[in-house]
Amino acid sequence: MWKNLAETPPDVIFGMNQQFVKDTSPSKVSLIIGAYRDEEGKPYVFNIVRKVEEELFKEQLHKEYLPISGHEDFTAGAKRLVFGDDPKLLERIATSQSLSGTGALRAGAELLHISLPKETKIYISKPTWANHMAIFKQAGLVNQEFYPYYDAATNSLDFKGMMEVLNKAEPNSIVLLHGCAHNPTGIDPTKEPVSYTHLRAHETSLHLVCRLLLEKKKKKKK
């Protein structure tokens, strides 16, 4: 069985990190992987995380199986953190716990693949994390297109270019959005640029993109 498996190409980013580890320069600094480090370049764990770990240890929690959709308090809290406390909105949102970001993307991709027509297009930011295209392709979502995200000239979000592409998307298209900490640019939408004049009170720019796409879909139906 194993001989029929093709070797996966090495990951460029992790390959660079391996080169960094092998580098003997005493003044080296890694800007490759987005993780916190201490003065010695070792992984840094926040004090609050240590404190919570200690509290959880003292509680001696059981190791019972969780429901298929995950820990209910955790998923409910995560949903409120991302979408706010509007009960009418929250009752329309399904939340499921997953194993890491990659696991979440694969589970979501599988659901989309069985729920939508095979030719459905998914829009992915340019740039994005290296494995995103492969995750969706392996789940059967092979119709992929990039939408502009990073403006190299201004070192900022290309909001205009992004919306120009997404406004041309067909109804029921899939749009992969980074909720925060866009990987790999680190550039997140904010309320400052003039492009966000349509931003409503207490609305994040991520919500704005979703709302504009929904409004466009409603107009097409009319």
N, C-alpha and C. Protein backbone atom coordinates (compact mmCIF):
# COMPACT_ATOMS: atom_id res chain seq x y z
N MET A 1 0.82 -1.20 0.00
CA MET A 1 0.00 0.00 0.00
C MET A 1 0.86 1.26 0.00
N TRP A 2 1.91 1.26 0.83
CA TRP A 2 2.70 2.48 0.99
C TRP A 2 3.44 2.87 -0.29
N LYS A 3 3.79 1.89 -1.12
CA LYS A 3 4.56 2.21 -2.32
C LYS A 3 3.73 3.01 -3.33
N ASN A 4 2.41 2.98 -3.19
CA ASN A 4 1.54 3.72 -4.10
C ASN A 4 1.32 5.16 -3.67
N LEU A 5 1.85 5.54 -2.51
CA LEU A 5 1.69 6.90 -2.03
C LEU A 5 2.83 7.78 -2.55
N ALA A 6 2.45 8.88 -3.17
CA ALA A 6 3.47 9.82 -3.68
C ALA A 6 3.99 10.66 -2.52
N GLU A 7 5.28 10.95 -2.55
CA GLU A 7 5.87 11.75 -1.49
C GLU A 7 5.40 13.20 -1.59
N THR A 8 4.97 13.74 -0.48
CA THR A 8 4.49 15.12 -0.46
C THR A 8 5.67 16.08 -0.56
N PRO A 9 5.55 17.12 -1.40
CA PRO A 9 6.65 18.10 -1.48
C PRO A 9 6.90 18.74 -0.12
N PRO A 10 8.14 19.01 0.21
CA PRO A 10 8.44 19.61 1.52
C PRO A 10 7.80 20.99 1.65
N ASP A 11 7.34 21.29 2.86
CA ASP A 11 6.74 22.59 3.13
C ASP A 11 7.84 23.66 3.15
N VAL A 12 7.66 24.71 2.35
CA VAL A 12 8.69 25.73 2.21
C VAL A 12 8.95 26.44 3.53
N ILE A 13 7.88 26.80 4.23
CA ILE A 13 8.03 27.57 5.47
C ILE A 13 8.72 26.75 6.55
N PHE A 14 8.27 25.52 6.75
CA PHE A 14 8.90 24.69 7.77
C PHE A 14 10.32 24.31 7.36
N GLY A 15 10.55 24.23 6.04
CA GLY A 15 11.91 23.98 5.57
C GLY A 15 12.84 25.13 5.94
N MET A 16 12.33 26.35 5.81
CA MET A 16 13.12 27.52 6.20
C MET A 16 13.40 27.50 7.69
N ASN A 17 12.42 27.04 8.47
CA ASN A 17 12.61 27.00 9.92
C ASN A 17 13.69 25.99 10.30
N GLN A 18 13.75 24.88 9.58
CA GLN A 18 14.79 23.88 9.83
C GLN A 18 16.18 24.46 9.52
N GLN A 19 16.25 25.25 8.45
CA GLN A 19 17.52 25.91 8.13
C GLN A 19 17.92 26.89 9.24
N PHE A 20 16.92 27.57 9.80
CA PHE A 20 17.19 28.51 10.89
C PHE A 20 17.75 27.78 12.11
N VAL A 21 17.15 26.65 12.44
CA VAL A 21 17.61 25.88 13.60
C VAL A 21 19.06 25.44 13.43
N LYS A 22 19.42 25.06 12.20
CA LYS A 22 20.78 24.59 11.93
C LYS A 22 21.79 25.74 11.85
N ASP A 23 21.30 26.95 11.64
CA ASP A 23 22.20 28.11 11.52
C ASP A 23 22.91 28.35 12.85
N THR A 24 24.22 28.53 12.82
CA THR A 24 25.00 28.68 14.05
C THR A 24 25.25 30.14 14.43
N SER A 25 24.68 31.08 13.69
CA SER A 25 24.90 32.49 13.99
C SER A 25 24.34 32.85 15.37
N PRO A 26 25.10 33.51 16.23
CA PRO A 26 24.62 33.88 17.56
C PRO A 26 23.61 35.01 17.54
N SER A 27 23.50 35.73 16.43
CA SER A 27 22.59 36.87 16.36
C SER A 27 21.37 36.59 15.49
N LYS A 28 21.10 35.32 15.21
CA LYS A 28 19.97 34.99 14.33
C LYS A 28 18.64 35.26 15.03
N VAL A 29 17.66 35.68 14.24
CA VAL A 29 16.30 35.94 14.72
C VAL A 29 15.33 35.35 13.70
N SER A 30 14.39 34.56 14.18
CA SER A 30 13.44 33.92 13.27
C SER A 30 12.15 34.73 13.16
N LEU A 31 11.80 35.08 11.94
CA LEU A 31 10.52 35.73 11.65
C LEU A 31 9.68 34.82 10.75
N ILE A 32 9.97 33.54 10.79
CA ILE A 32 9.36 32.58 9.86
C ILE A 32 7.99 32.13 10.34
N ILE A 33 7.93 31.56 11.52
CA ILE A 33 6.69 31.01 12.06
C ILE A 33 6.13 31.96 13.12
N GLY A 34 4.84 32.26 13.02
CA GLY A 34 4.21 33.22 13.92
C GLY A 34 3.97 32.65 15.31
N ALA A 35 5.00 32.60 16.13
CA ALA A 35 4.87 32.09 17.49
C ALA A 35 5.67 32.99 18.43
N TYR A 36 5.17 33.13 19.65
CA TYR A 36 5.86 33.97 20.63
C TYR A 36 7.13 33.29 21.14
N ARG A 37 8.19 34.09 21.29
CA ARG A 37 9.47 33.59 21.79
C ARG A 37 9.98 34.48 22.93
N ASP A 38 10.82 33.89 23.78
CA ASP A 38 11.42 34.69 24.85
C ASP A 38 12.75 35.27 24.36
N GLU A 39 13.51 35.88 25.27
CA GLU A 39 14.76 36.53 24.90
C GLU A 39 15.78 35.54 24.34
N GLU A 40 15.63 34.28 24.67
CA GLU A 40 16.56 33.25 24.20
C GLU A 40 16.05 32.53 22.96
N GLY A 41 14.92 33.00 22.44
CA GLY A 41 14.37 32.37 21.25
C GLY A 41 13.58 31.11 21.52
N LYS A 42 13.30 30.82 22.77
CA LYS A 42 12.54 29.62 23.13
C LYS A 42 11.05 29.95 23.16
N PRO A 43 10.18 28.94 22.96
CA PRO A 43 8.73 29.20 22.99
C PRO A 43 8.30 29.87 24.29
N TYR A 44 7.47 30.91 24.17
CA TYR A 44 7.01 31.67 25.34
C TYR A 44 5.55 31.35 25.62
N VAL A 45 5.26 30.99 26.84
CA VAL A 45 3.89 30.71 27.25
C VAL A 45 3.42 31.83 28.17
N PHE A 46 2.30 32.45 27.86
CA PHE A 46 1.80 33.56 28.65
C PHE A 46 1.46 33.12 30.08
N ASN A 47 1.67 34.04 31.01
CA ASN A 47 1.41 33.73 32.42
C ASN A 47 -0.04 33.31 32.66
N ILE A 48 -0.98 33.95 31.95
CA ILE A 48 -2.38 33.61 32.14
C ILE A 48 -2.66 32.19 31.70
N VAL A 49 -1.95 31.74 30.67
CA VAL A 49 -2.11 30.35 30.21
C VAL A 49 -1.60 29.39 31.27
N ARG A 50 -0.46 29.70 31.85
CA ARG A 50 0.08 28.87 32.93
C ARG A 50 -0.90 28.82 34.11
N LYS A 51 -1.49 29.97 34.44
CA LYS A 51 -2.41 30.04 35.56
C LYS A 51 -3.64 29.17 35.32
N VAL A 52 -4.19 29.26 34.11
CA VAL A 52 -5.37 28.45 33.77
C VAL A 52 -5.03 26.97 33.78
N GLU A 53 -3.84 26.62 33.29
CA GLU A 53 -3.41 25.22 33.32
C GLU A 53 -3.36 24.70 34.76
N GLU A 54 -2.85 25.52 35.67
CA GLU A 54 -2.79 25.12 37.08
C GLU A 54 -4.18 24.94 37.67
N GLU A 55 -5.10 25.85 37.33
CA GLU A 55 -6.46 25.75 37.84
C GLU A 55 -7.16 24.50 37.31
N LEU A 56 -6.95 24.21 36.04
CA LEU A 56 -7.56 23.01 35.45
C LEU A 56 -7.00 21.75 36.09
N PHE A 57 -5.71 21.76 36.38
CA PHE A 57 -5.09 20.60 37.02
C PHE A 57 -5.69 20.36 38.41
N LYS A 58 -5.90 21.44 39.15
CA LYS A 58 -6.46 21.33 40.50
C LYS A 58 -7.90 20.81 40.46
N GLU A 59 -8.63 21.12 39.40
CA GLU A 59 -10.02 20.68 39.31
C GLU A 59 -10.14 19.18 39.05
N GLN A 60 -9.05 18.57 38.57
CA GLN A 60 -9.06 17.14 38.29
C GLN A 60 -10.26 16.76 37.40
N LEU A 61 -10.32 17.40 36.27
CA LEU A 61 -11.44 17.16 35.35
C LEU A 61 -11.45 15.72 34.84
N HIS A 62 -12.65 15.23 34.57
CA HIS A 62 -12.76 13.87 34.04
C HIS A 62 -12.36 13.86 32.56
N LYS A 63 -12.22 12.68 32.03
CA LYS A 63 -11.80 12.53 30.63
C LYS A 63 -12.90 11.84 29.82
N GLU A 64 -14.13 12.19 30.14
CA GLU A 64 -15.28 11.60 29.44
C GLU A 64 -15.32 12.07 27.98
N TYR A 65 -15.91 11.25 27.13
CA TYR A 65 -16.07 11.64 25.73
C TYR A 65 -16.93 12.89 25.62
N LEU A 66 -16.55 13.77 24.71
CA LEU A 66 -17.34 14.96 24.43
C LEU A 66 -18.40 14.63 23.38
N PRO A 67 -19.44 15.45 23.28
CA PRO A 67 -20.39 15.29 22.17
C PRO A 67 -19.66 15.45 20.84
N ILE A 68 -20.26 14.97 19.77
CA ILE A 68 -19.61 15.01 18.46
C ILE A 68 -19.25 16.44 18.06
N SER A 69 -20.11 17.40 18.43
CA SER A 69 -19.85 18.78 18.04
C SER A 69 -18.92 19.50 19.01
N GLY A 70 -18.44 18.82 20.06
CA GLY A 70 -17.48 19.43 20.97
C GLY A 70 -18.07 19.83 22.31
N HIS A 71 -17.25 20.49 23.13
CA HIS A 71 -17.66 20.95 24.45
C HIS A 71 -18.65 22.10 24.29
N GLU A 72 -19.86 21.93 24.80
CA GLU A 72 -20.93 22.89 24.55
C GLU A 72 -20.62 24.29 25.07
N ASP A 73 -20.06 24.39 26.28
CA ASP A 73 -19.72 25.71 26.83
C ASP A 73 -18.64 26.39 25.98
N PHE A 74 -17.69 25.59 25.52
CA PHE A 74 -16.60 26.14 24.71
C PHE A 74 -17.12 26.66 23.38
N THR A 75 -17.93 25.86 22.69
CA THR A 75 -18.43 26.27 21.37
C THR A 75 -19.37 27.47 21.49
N ALA A 76 -20.19 27.50 22.57
CA ALA A 76 -21.10 28.63 22.76
C ALA A 76 -20.30 29.91 23.02
N GLY A 77 -19.25 29.80 23.85
CA GLY A 77 -18.41 30.96 24.13
C GLY A 77 -17.66 31.44 22.91
N ALA A 78 -17.17 30.50 22.11
CA ALA A 78 -16.44 30.86 20.89
C ALA A 78 -17.37 31.58 19.91
N LYS A 79 -18.59 31.12 19.83
CA LYS A 79 -19.55 31.74 18.91
C LYS A 79 -19.86 33.18 19.33
N ARG A 80 -20.04 33.40 20.62
CA ARG A 80 -20.31 34.77 21.10
C ARG A 80 -19.10 35.66 20.91
N LEU A 81 -17.90 35.10 21.10
CA LEU A 81 -16.67 35.88 20.94
C LEU A 81 -16.53 36.39 19.51
N VAL A 82 -16.87 35.56 18.54
CA VAL A 82 -16.69 35.91 17.13
C VAL A 82 -17.84 36.75 16.60
N PHE A 83 -19.08 36.40 16.97
CA PHE A 83 -20.24 37.01 16.33
C PHE A 83 -21.05 37.95 17.24
N GLY A 84 -20.67 38.06 18.52
CA GLY A 84 -21.40 38.95 19.41
C GLY A 84 -22.54 38.24 20.13
N ASP A 85 -23.42 39.02 20.75
CA ASP A 85 -24.47 38.45 21.61
C ASP A 85 -25.88 38.59 21.04
N ASP A 86 -25.99 38.92 19.77
CA ASP A 86 -27.32 39.05 19.16
C ASP A 86 -27.98 37.67 19.08
N PRO A 87 -29.04 37.41 19.85
CA PRO A 87 -29.65 36.08 19.87
C PRO A 87 -30.22 35.65 18.52
N LYS A 88 -30.75 36.60 17.75
CA LYS A 88 -31.31 36.25 16.44
C LYS A 88 -30.22 35.78 15.49
N LEU A 89 -29.04 36.38 15.62
CA LEU A 89 -27.92 35.97 14.77
C LEU A 89 -27.36 34.63 15.24
N LEU A 90 -27.18 34.48 16.54
CA LEU A 90 -26.55 33.27 17.08
C LEU A 90 -27.36 32.02 16.80
N GLU A 91 -28.69 32.14 16.78
CA GLU A 91 -29.51 30.95 16.55
C GLU A 91 -29.41 30.44 15.11
N ARG A 92 -28.84 31.26 14.23
CA ARG A 92 -28.66 30.86 12.83
C ARG A 92 -27.28 30.25 12.57
N ILE A 93 -26.41 30.25 13.60
CA ILE A 93 -25.02 29.83 13.41
C ILE A 93 -24.77 28.49 14.09
N ALA A 94 -24.24 27.56 13.35
CA ALA A 94 -23.86 26.25 13.90
C ALA A 94 -22.37 26.27 14.23
N THR A 95 -22.00 25.76 15.38
CA THR A 95 -20.60 25.77 15.81
C THR A 95 -20.15 24.37 16.18
N SER A 96 -18.96 24.01 15.74
CA SER A 96 -18.43 22.69 16.05
C SER A 96 -16.96 22.80 16.41
N GLN A 97 -16.56 22.07 17.43
CA GLN A 97 -15.16 22.07 17.86
C GLN A 97 -14.36 21.14 16.96
N SER A 98 -13.11 21.52 16.68
CA SER A 98 -12.30 20.70 15.77
C SER A 98 -10.87 20.61 16.30
N LEU A 99 -10.09 19.83 15.62
CA LEU A 99 -8.69 19.67 15.96
C LEU A 99 -7.86 20.62 15.12
N SER A 100 -7.46 21.73 15.68
CA SER A 100 -6.60 22.73 15.03
C SER A 100 -7.28 23.42 13.85
N GLY A 101 -6.62 24.42 13.32
CA GLY A 101 -7.16 25.15 12.18
C GLY A 101 -7.24 24.29 10.93
N THR A 102 -6.24 23.46 10.71
CA THR A 102 -6.25 22.58 9.55
C THR A 102 -7.41 21.60 9.64
N GLY A 103 -7.64 21.06 10.83
CA GLY A 103 -8.76 20.13 11.03
C GLY A 103 -10.09 20.80 10.78
N ALA A 104 -10.21 22.06 11.23
CA ALA A 104 -11.45 22.80 11.03
C ALA A 104 -11.71 23.03 9.55
N LEU A 105 -10.66 23.40 8.81
CA LEU A 105 -10.81 23.63 7.38
C LEU A 105 -11.22 22.35 6.65
N ARG A 106 -10.61 21.23 7.01
CA ARG A 106 -10.93 19.98 6.33
C ARG A 106 -12.36 19.55 6.62
N ALA A 107 -12.79 19.68 7.90
CA ALA A 107 -14.16 19.32 8.25
C ALA A 107 -15.15 20.22 7.52
N GLY A 108 -14.84 21.52 7.49
CA GLY A 108 -15.72 22.45 6.78
C GLY A 108 -15.74 22.18 5.29
N ALA A 109 -14.58 21.84 4.73
CA ALA A 109 -14.50 21.55 3.29
C ALA A 109 -15.33 20.32 2.93
N GLU A 110 -15.28 19.31 3.77
CA GLU A 110 -16.06 18.09 3.53
C GLU A 110 -17.56 18.40 3.55
N LEU A 111 -17.97 19.21 4.52
CA LEU A 111 -19.39 19.59 4.62
C LEU A 111 -19.83 20.37 3.39
N LEU A 112 -19.01 21.32 2.96
CA LEU A 112 -19.35 22.12 1.79
C LEU A 112 -19.40 21.25 0.53
N HIS A 113 -18.51 20.29 0.45
CA HIS A 113 -18.43 19.44 -0.75
C HIS A 113 -19.69 18.60 -0.92
N ILE A 114 -20.22 18.10 0.18
CA ILE A 114 -21.41 17.24 0.08
C ILE A 114 -22.70 18.07 0.06
N SER A 115 -22.59 19.37 0.36
CA SER A 115 -23.79 20.21 0.45
C SER A 115 -24.01 21.07 -0.78
N LEU A 116 -22.97 21.29 -1.57
CA LEU A 116 -23.06 22.20 -2.71
C LEU A 116 -22.71 21.47 -4.01
N PRO A 117 -23.12 22.03 -5.15
CA PRO A 117 -22.77 21.42 -6.44
C PRO A 117 -21.26 21.28 -6.61
N LYS A 118 -20.83 20.28 -7.35
CA LYS A 118 -19.40 20.00 -7.50
C LYS A 118 -18.64 21.17 -8.14
N GLU A 119 -19.31 21.93 -8.98
CA GLU A 119 -18.61 23.03 -9.68
C GLU A 119 -18.53 24.30 -8.84
N THR A 120 -19.02 24.28 -7.61
CA THR A 120 -18.98 25.47 -6.76
C THR A 120 -17.55 25.97 -6.61
N LYS A 121 -17.38 27.27 -6.77
CA LYS A 121 -16.05 27.87 -6.69
C LYS A 121 -15.76 28.36 -5.27
N ILE A 122 -14.52 28.17 -4.85
CA ILE A 122 -14.08 28.72 -3.57
C ILE A 122 -13.05 29.80 -3.82
N TYR A 123 -13.22 30.94 -3.19
CA TYR A 123 -12.29 32.07 -3.31
C TYR A 123 -11.36 32.08 -2.11
N ILE A 124 -10.06 32.11 -2.39
CA ILE A 124 -9.03 32.04 -1.36
C ILE A 124 -8.15 33.28 -1.46
N SER A 125 -7.78 33.85 -0.33
CA SER A 125 -6.99 35.09 -0.35
C SER A 125 -5.61 34.84 -0.94
N LYS A 126 -5.09 35.87 -1.59
CA LYS A 126 -3.73 35.82 -2.14
C LYS A 126 -2.90 36.90 -1.46
N PRO A 127 -1.94 36.48 -0.61
CA PRO A 127 -1.52 35.11 -0.32
C PRO A 127 -2.35 34.47 0.78
N THR A 128 -2.07 33.18 1.02
CA THR A 128 -2.70 32.47 2.11
C THR A 128 -1.71 31.43 2.59
N TRP A 129 -2.08 30.67 3.63
CA TRP A 129 -1.19 29.62 4.11
C TRP A 129 -1.05 28.54 3.06
N ALA A 130 0.12 27.96 2.95
CA ALA A 130 0.47 27.10 1.82
C ALA A 130 -0.43 25.88 1.65
N ASN A 131 -1.00 25.36 2.74
CA ASN A 131 -1.76 24.11 2.60
C ASN A 131 -3.25 24.32 2.34
N HIS A 132 -3.71 25.57 2.30
CA HIS A 132 -5.15 25.80 2.15
C HIS A 132 -5.69 25.26 0.84
N MET A 133 -4.99 25.49 -0.25
CA MET A 133 -5.49 25.01 -1.54
C MET A 133 -5.59 23.49 -1.56
N ALA A 134 -4.57 22.83 -1.01
CA ALA A 134 -4.56 21.37 -1.02
C ALA A 134 -5.68 20.79 -0.14
N ILE A 135 -5.95 21.42 0.99
CA ILE A 135 -7.00 20.93 1.89
C ILE A 135 -8.33 20.88 1.15
N PHE A 136 -8.68 21.96 0.48
CA PHE A 136 -9.97 22.01 -0.21
C PHE A 136 -9.97 21.14 -1.46
N LYS A 137 -8.84 21.05 -2.13
CA LYS A 137 -8.76 20.20 -3.32
C LYS A 137 -8.96 18.74 -2.95
N GLN A 138 -8.32 18.29 -1.86
CA GLN A 138 -8.46 16.90 -1.44
C GLN A 138 -9.87 16.58 -0.98
N ALA A 139 -10.61 17.60 -0.55
CA ALA A 139 -12.00 17.40 -0.13
C ALA A 139 -12.97 17.46 -1.31
N GLY A 140 -12.42 17.72 -2.52
CA GLY A 140 -13.25 17.73 -3.71
C GLY A 140 -13.59 19.10 -4.25
N LEU A 141 -13.15 20.17 -3.56
CA LEU A 141 -13.43 21.53 -4.02
C LEU A 141 -12.25 22.00 -4.88
N VAL A 142 -12.30 21.63 -6.15
CA VAL A 142 -11.16 21.87 -7.04
C VAL A 142 -11.29 23.17 -7.82
N ASN A 143 -12.49 23.75 -7.86
CA ASN A 143 -12.70 25.01 -8.58
C ASN A 143 -12.30 26.16 -7.65
N GLN A 144 -11.07 26.63 -7.77
CA GLN A 144 -10.53 27.61 -6.85
C GLN A 144 -10.06 28.87 -7.58
N GLU A 145 -10.22 30.00 -6.91
CA GLU A 145 -9.75 31.27 -7.47
C GLU A 145 -9.25 32.15 -6.33
N PHE A 146 -8.19 32.89 -6.60
CA PHE A 146 -7.65 33.80 -5.60
C PHE A 146 -8.38 35.14 -5.66
N TYR A 147 -8.52 35.77 -4.51
CA TYR A 147 -8.96 37.17 -4.47
C TYR A 147 -7.85 38.00 -3.85
N PRO A 148 -7.63 39.24 -4.35
CA PRO A 148 -6.54 40.08 -3.83
C PRO A 148 -6.72 40.34 -2.34
N TYR A 149 -5.62 40.34 -1.63
CA TYR A 149 -5.67 40.64 -0.20
C TYR A 149 -4.56 41.60 0.22
N TYR A 150 -3.35 41.32 -0.21
CA TYR A 150 -2.19 42.11 0.22
C TYR A 150 -1.77 43.09 -0.85
N ASP A 151 -1.66 44.37 -0.47
CA ASP A 151 -1.18 45.40 -1.38
C ASP A 151 0.28 45.67 -1.03
N ALA A 152 1.20 45.17 -1.85
CA ALA A 152 2.63 45.30 -1.57
C ALA A 152 3.09 46.75 -1.61
N ALA A 153 2.44 47.57 -2.42
CA ALA A 153 2.86 48.97 -2.57
C ALA A 153 2.63 49.76 -1.29
N THR A 154 1.55 49.46 -0.58
CA THR A 154 1.22 50.20 0.64
C THR A 154 1.41 49.37 1.90
N ASN A 155 1.78 48.10 1.71
CA ASN A 155 1.94 47.17 2.84
C ASN A 155 0.67 47.15 3.70
N SER A 156 -0.47 47.02 3.02
CA SER A 156 -1.75 47.04 3.73
C SER A 156 -2.75 46.16 2.99
N LEU A 157 -3.96 46.12 3.51
CA LEU A 157 -5.02 45.33 2.92
C LEU A 157 -5.51 45.96 1.62
N ASP A 158 -5.63 45.16 0.59
CA ASP A 158 -6.19 45.62 -0.69
C ASP A 158 -7.70 45.39 -0.66
N PHE A 159 -8.39 46.19 0.13
CA PHE A 159 -9.83 46.00 0.32
C PHE A 159 -10.59 46.22 -0.99
N LYS A 160 -10.20 47.24 -1.75
CA LYS A 160 -10.88 47.54 -3.01
C LYS A 160 -10.73 46.37 -3.98
N GLY A 161 -9.50 45.86 -4.13
CA GLY A 161 -9.28 44.74 -5.04
C GLY A 161 -10.02 43.50 -4.60
N MET A 162 -10.06 43.27 -3.29
CA MET A 162 -10.76 42.11 -2.75
C MET A 162 -12.24 42.16 -3.10
N MET A 163 -12.87 43.32 -2.86
CA MET A 163 -14.30 43.44 -3.10
C MET A 163 -14.64 43.44 -4.59
N GLU A 164 -13.73 43.92 -5.43
CA GLU A 164 -13.97 43.89 -6.87
C GLU A 164 -14.11 42.45 -7.36
N VAL A 165 -13.27 41.56 -6.82
CA VAL A 165 -13.34 40.15 -7.22
C VAL A 165 -14.54 39.46 -6.60
N LEU A 166 -14.75 39.68 -5.30
CA LEU A 166 -15.84 38.98 -4.60
C LEU A 166 -17.22 39.44 -5.08
N ASN A 167 -17.32 40.69 -5.52
CA ASN A 167 -18.60 41.17 -6.03
C ASN A 167 -19.01 40.49 -7.33
N LYS A 168 -18.04 39.87 -8.00
CA LYS A 168 -18.32 39.16 -9.25
C LYS A 168 -18.62 37.68 -9.01
N ALA A 169 -18.51 37.25 -7.76
CA ALA A 169 -18.72 35.84 -7.44
C ALA A 169 -20.18 35.44 -7.66
N GLU A 170 -20.37 34.20 -8.11
CA GLU A 170 -21.72 33.69 -8.31
C GLU A 170 -22.37 33.41 -6.95
N PRO A 171 -23.71 33.43 -6.90
CA PRO A 171 -24.39 33.08 -5.64
C PRO A 171 -23.98 31.70 -5.16
N ASN A 172 -23.87 31.55 -3.85
CA ASN A 172 -23.48 30.29 -3.19
C ASN A 172 -22.01 29.94 -3.38
N SER A 173 -21.22 30.89 -3.87
CA SER A 173 -19.77 30.66 -3.91
C SER A 173 -19.24 30.62 -2.49
N ILE A 174 -18.09 30.00 -2.31
CA ILE A 174 -17.46 29.89 -0.99
C ILE A 174 -16.34 30.92 -0.90
N VAL A 175 -16.25 31.62 0.20
CA VAL A 175 -15.18 32.59 0.40
C VAL A 175 -14.44 32.22 1.69
N LEU A 176 -13.16 31.93 1.55
CA LEU A 176 -12.34 31.61 2.72
C LEU A 176 -11.77 32.90 3.29
N LEU A 177 -12.22 33.27 4.49
CA LEU A 177 -11.78 34.50 5.16
C LEU A 177 -10.98 34.14 6.40
N HIS A 178 -9.90 34.85 6.63
CA HIS A 178 -9.15 34.70 7.87
C HIS A 178 -9.77 35.64 8.89
N GLY A 179 -10.38 35.09 9.94
CA GLY A 179 -11.07 35.92 10.93
C GLY A 179 -10.16 36.93 11.59
N CYS A 180 -8.93 36.54 11.86
CA CYS A 180 -7.94 37.46 12.44
C CYS A 180 -6.56 36.84 12.23
N ALA A 181 -5.53 37.65 12.45
CA ALA A 181 -4.15 37.18 12.31
C ALA A 181 -3.94 36.53 10.94
N HIS A 182 -4.24 37.28 9.88
CA HIS A 182 -4.13 36.73 8.53
C HIS A 182 -2.76 36.10 8.32
N ASN A 183 -2.79 34.89 7.82
CA ASN A 183 -1.56 34.14 7.63
C ASN A 183 -1.30 34.00 6.14
N PRO A 184 -0.19 34.48 5.59
CA PRO A 184 1.04 34.83 6.30
C PRO A 184 1.33 36.33 6.43
N THR A 185 0.42 37.22 6.03
CA THR A 185 0.78 38.63 5.99
C THR A 185 0.71 39.30 7.36
N GLY A 186 -0.15 38.80 8.25
CA GLY A 186 -0.33 39.44 9.55
C GLY A 186 -1.15 40.72 9.45
N ILE A 187 -1.72 40.99 8.28
CA ILE A 187 -2.51 42.20 8.08
C ILE A 187 -3.99 41.89 8.24
N ASP A 188 -4.61 42.52 9.22
CA ASP A 188 -6.04 42.32 9.46
C ASP A 188 -6.80 43.58 9.08
N PRO A 189 -8.04 43.43 8.61
CA PRO A 189 -8.87 44.61 8.31
C PRO A 189 -9.12 45.43 9.58
N THR A 190 -9.17 46.75 9.43
CA THR A 190 -9.48 47.63 10.55
C THR A 190 -10.56 48.61 10.10
N LYS A 191 -10.98 49.47 11.02
CA LYS A 191 -12.02 50.44 10.70
C LYS A 191 -11.45 51.76 10.18
N GLU A 192 -10.12 51.89 10.16
CA GLU A 192 -9.53 53.18 9.83
C GLU A 192 -9.62 53.58 8.36
N PRO A 193 -9.31 52.65 7.41
CA PRO A 193 -9.25 53.08 6.00
C PRO A 193 -10.57 53.66 5.51
N VAL A 194 -10.48 54.56 4.54
CA VAL A 194 -11.68 55.17 3.95
C VAL A 194 -12.58 54.11 3.34
N SER A 195 -11.98 53.00 2.92
CA SER A 195 -12.75 51.93 2.29
C SER A 195 -13.84 51.39 3.20
N TYR A 196 -13.76 51.68 4.49
CA TYR A 196 -14.70 51.10 5.43
C TYR A 196 -15.81 52.07 5.82
N THR A 197 -16.14 53.03 4.95
CA THR A 197 -17.16 54.01 5.28
C THR A 197 -18.53 53.37 5.43
N HIS A 198 -18.70 52.16 4.91
CA HIS A 198 -19.98 51.47 5.02
C HIS A 198 -20.06 50.60 6.28
N LEU A 199 -19.04 50.67 7.11
CA LEU A 199 -19.00 49.84 8.31
C LEU A 199 -20.02 50.33 9.32
N ARG A 200 -20.85 49.44 9.81
CA ARG A 200 -21.86 49.80 10.79
C ARG A 200 -21.27 49.75 12.20
N ALA A 201 -21.98 50.36 13.14
CA ALA A 201 -21.52 50.36 14.53
C ALA A 201 -21.39 48.94 15.04
N HIS A 202 -20.32 48.67 15.76
CA HIS A 202 -20.06 47.36 16.37
C HIS A 202 -19.90 46.25 15.33
N GLU A 203 -19.59 46.62 14.08
CA GLU A 203 -19.43 45.63 13.03
C GLU A 203 -17.96 45.56 12.64
N THR A 204 -17.40 44.37 12.60
CA THR A 204 -16.02 44.23 12.17
C THR A 204 -15.97 44.21 10.65
N SER A 205 -14.78 44.42 10.10
CA SER A 205 -14.64 44.42 8.65
C SER A 205 -14.94 43.04 8.06
N LEU A 206 -14.71 41.98 8.84
CA LEU A 206 -15.05 40.64 8.38
C LEU A 206 -16.56 40.53 8.22
N HIS A 207 -17.30 41.08 9.21
CA HIS A 207 -18.75 41.09 9.09
C HIS A 207 -19.19 41.89 7.88
N LEU A 208 -18.47 43.00 7.62
CA LEU A 208 -18.81 43.86 6.48
C LEU A 208 -18.72 43.09 5.17
N VAL A 209 -17.63 42.35 4.98
CA VAL A 209 -17.47 41.58 3.75
C VAL A 209 -18.61 40.60 3.59
N CYS A 210 -18.94 39.89 4.68
CA CYS A 210 -20.03 38.91 4.63
C CYS A 210 -21.36 39.59 4.32
N ARG A 211 -21.60 40.76 4.94
CA ARG A 211 -22.87 41.46 4.74
C ARG A 211 -22.99 41.96 3.31
N LEU A 212 -21.91 42.51 2.76
CA LEU A 212 -21.96 43.00 1.39
C LEU A 212 -22.26 41.87 0.40
N LEU A 213 -21.67 40.70 0.66
CA LEU A 213 -21.92 39.57 -0.22
C LEU A 213 -23.36 39.08 -0.11
N LEU A 214 -23.90 39.08 1.12
CA LEU A 214 -25.28 38.66 1.32
C LEU A 214 -26.25 39.65 0.66
N GLU A 215 -25.96 40.95 0.80
CA GLU A 215 -26.82 41.96 0.19
C GLU A 215 -26.81 41.83 -1.33
N LYS A 216 -25.64 41.51 -1.87
CA LYS A 216 -25.53 41.32 -3.32
C LYS A 216 -26.37 40.11 -3.77
N LYS A 217 -26.34 39.05 -2.95
CA LYS A 217 -27.10 37.85 -3.27
C LYS A 217 -28.61 38.14 -3.27
N LYS A 218 -29.04 38.94 -2.29
CA LYS A 218 -30.46 39.28 -2.18
C LYS A 218 -30.91 40.10 -3.39
N LYS A 219 -30.05 41.03 -3.83
CA LYS A 219 -30.39 41.86 -4.99
C LYS A 219 -30.55 41.01 -6.23
N LYS A 220 -29.68 39.98 -6.38
CA LYS A 220 -29.76 39.12 -7.57
C LYS A 220 -31.06 38.33 -7.59
N LYS A 221 -31.53 37.94 -6.39
CA LYS A 221 -32.78 37.18 -6.30
C LYS A 221 -33.98 38.01 -6.76
N LYS A 222 -33.90 39.35 -6.44
CA LYS A 222 -35.00 40.22 -6.85
C LYS A 222 -35.03 40.41 -8.37
